[in-house]
Amino acid sequence: MQYTFLARGHPNVTSLHKTTFEVTMDNQMGNTADCIVGIFAEASLDDLPVRIKETIRNEKQLIRVLLETENSIDEIKGYGHPSLTLDHSNDMVCRKSDYTCSRTLMIKADKAASEIKRELVEDLKEGKPLKVTIIV
């Protein structure tokens, strides 16, 4: 199963955070938000189909997130967990740790914002569209 939506980059994207990355429905971002890679997202965790949410709540479930711009694509892999509520109405956060909250899409991710391909980050700094695909 997969779910795809669009977001946009922003000039303040630095993608320097070492433990998370985030996509948000917010229409602005500050210059200290070093985990945000996309704004103006068309979807939040609350919008994910029930069947995908049920699948993500299995701690053995591998979750793949594809981040794609016109010049680059990157893949981040992580895992679900039974305590994920997947109901935040604004944000999606992928974490290298095993911390969970309403904003968490996946834990034990193999990459954080600082490890995302730099070509992709450069596109995002220019405000280019970001295609986000969640695959379970």
Protein backbone atom coordinates (compact mmCIF):
# COMPACT_ATOMS: atom_id res chain seq x y z
CA MET A 1 0.00 0.00 0.00
CA GLN A 2 1.11 3.52 -0.60
CA TYR A 3 -0.05 7.07 -0.03
CA THR A 4 1.28 10.06 -1.98
CA PHE A 5 0.87 13.78 -1.44
CA LEU A 6 2.63 17.01 -2.38
CA ALA A 7 4.40 19.62 -0.29
CA ARG A 8 6.78 22.47 -1.14
CA GLY A 9 10.25 23.53 -0.20
CA HIS A 10 11.10 26.90 1.34
CA PRO A 11 14.19 29.16 1.36
CA ASN A 12 14.70 28.39 5.07
CA VAL A 13 15.12 24.63 4.51
CA THR A 14 18.52 23.70 5.93
CA SER A 15 17.91 19.99 6.56
CA LEU A 16 20.53 19.84 9.32
CA HIS A 17 18.68 18.00 12.10
CA LYS A 18 20.48 14.83 13.11
CA THR A 19 17.58 12.75 14.48
CA THR A 20 14.36 13.67 12.63
CA PHE A 21 12.83 15.10 9.50
CA GLU A 22 9.40 16.66 9.18
CA VAL A 23 6.80 17.59 6.59
CA THR A 24 4.15 20.06 7.74
CA MET A 25 0.96 21.66 6.51
CA ASP A 26 2.20 25.03 7.84
CA ASN A 27 2.62 27.68 5.17
CA GLN A 28 5.78 29.21 6.67
CA MET A 29 8.87 28.05 8.53
CA GLY A 30 11.43 29.85 10.62
CA ASN A 31 15.16 29.84 10.00
CA THR A 32 15.79 27.58 13.02
CA ALA A 33 13.46 24.75 11.86
CA ASP A 34 16.31 22.51 10.73
CA CYS A 35 14.21 19.32 10.61
CA ILE A 36 11.49 20.59 8.23
CA VAL A 37 11.96 19.53 4.62
CA GLY A 38 8.52 20.45 3.28
CA ILE A 39 5.71 22.90 4.02
CA PHE A 40 2.23 23.44 2.53
CA ALA A 41 1.73 19.66 2.70
CA GLU A 42 -1.56 18.46 1.23
CA ALA A 43 -1.88 15.86 4.00
CA SER A 44 -1.12 15.17 7.63
CA LEU A 45 -1.00 11.95 9.64
CA ASP A 46 -4.70 12.36 10.35
CA ASP A 47 -5.40 12.06 6.60
CA LEU A 48 -3.77 8.65 6.13
CA PRO A 49 -6.21 5.88 5.19
CA VAL A 50 -7.29 3.64 8.09
CA ARG A 51 -5.78 0.54 6.48
CA ILE A 52 -2.35 2.18 6.23
CA LYS A 53 -2.58 3.37 9.85
CA GLU A 54 -3.44 -0.15 11.02
CA THR A 55 -0.44 -1.53 9.13
CA ILE A 56 1.93 1.12 10.52
CA ARG A 57 0.95 0.22 14.08
CA ASN A 58 2.81 -3.11 13.74
CA GLU A 59 6.30 -2.71 15.23
CA LYS A 60 7.75 -5.14 12.69
CA GLN A 61 6.30 -3.18 9.75
CA LEU A 62 8.91 -1.63 7.48
CA ILE A 63 7.86 1.84 6.31
CA ARG A 64 9.49 3.52 3.34
CA VAL A 65 9.21 7.24 2.67
CA LEU A 66 10.24 8.54 -0.74
CA LEU A 67 11.06 12.23 -1.01
CA GLU A 68 11.20 13.38 -4.61
CA THR A 69 11.91 16.69 -6.35
CA GLU A 70 12.49 17.35 -10.03
CA ASN A 71 16.24 16.71 -9.67
CA SER A 72 16.54 14.12 -6.93
CA ILE A 73 14.89 11.31 -4.99
CA ASP A 74 15.78 9.87 -1.61
CA GLU A 75 14.40 6.97 0.39
CA ILE A 76 14.16 6.74 4.16
CA LYS A 77 13.29 3.47 5.89
CA GLY A 78 11.95 3.03 9.40
CA TYR A 79 9.43 1.08 11.44
CA GLY A 80 5.98 1.36 12.89
CA HIS A 81 4.91 0.83 16.48
CA PRO A 82 1.66 -0.03 18.31
CA SER A 83 1.74 3.24 20.28
CA LEU A 84 1.65 5.45 17.18
CA THR A 85 -1.62 7.39 17.19
CA LEU A 86 -1.12 8.75 13.63
CA ASP A 87 -3.68 11.46 14.24
CA HIS A 88 -1.82 14.77 14.21
CA SER A 89 -3.71 17.26 12.06
CA ASN A 90 -0.67 19.20 10.81
CA ASP A 91 2.67 17.38 10.90
CA MET A 92 4.49 14.15 10.03
CA VAL A 93 7.77 13.44 11.77
CA CYS A 94 10.11 10.54 11.04
CA ARG A 95 12.52 9.76 13.88
CA LYS A 96 15.78 7.86 14.22
CA SER A 97 14.91 7.25 17.88
CA ASP A 98 12.06 5.14 19.24
CA TYR A 99 10.20 8.17 20.65
CA THR A 100 6.50 8.27 19.73
CA CYS A 101 3.90 11.04 19.90
CA SER A 102 0.91 12.15 17.83
CA ARG A 103 3.29 13.71 15.26
CA THR A 104 5.33 10.52 14.67
CA LEU A 105 4.98 8.59 11.40
CA MET A 106 7.83 6.14 11.96
CA ILE A 107 10.63 5.34 14.38
CA LYS A 108 14.13 3.85 13.99
CA ALA A 109 14.52 5.66 10.66
CA ASP A 110 17.77 5.08 8.81
CA LYS A 111 18.12 8.79 7.94
CA ALA A 112 17.38 12.18 9.44
CA ALA A 113 17.19 15.56 7.74
CA SER A 114 20.99 15.96 7.82
CA GLU A 115 21.43 12.75 5.80
CA ILE A 116 18.99 13.56 2.98
CA LYS A 117 20.61 13.95 -0.43
CA ARG A 118 21.95 17.46 -0.86
CA GLU A 119 20.61 17.77 -4.42
CA LEU A 120 17.12 17.26 -3.02
CA VAL A 121 17.76 19.83 -0.27
CA GLU A 122 18.96 22.37 -2.84
CA ASP A 123 15.70 21.95 -4.78
CA LEU A 124 13.75 22.43 -1.55
CA LYS A 125 15.68 25.63 -0.72
CA GLU A 126 14.45 26.96 -4.06
CA GLY A 127 10.85 26.25 -3.02
CA LYS A 128 10.35 23.49 -5.55
CA PRO A 129 7.54 20.93 -5.20
CA LEU A 130 8.16 17.89 -3.02
CA LYS A 131 6.42 14.61 -3.72
CA VAL A 132 6.12 12.46 -0.59
CA THR A 133 5.22 8.78 -0.91
CA ILE A 134 4.63 6.56 2.11
CA ILE A 135 4.91 2.84 1.32
CA VAL A 136 3.97 0.05 3.73
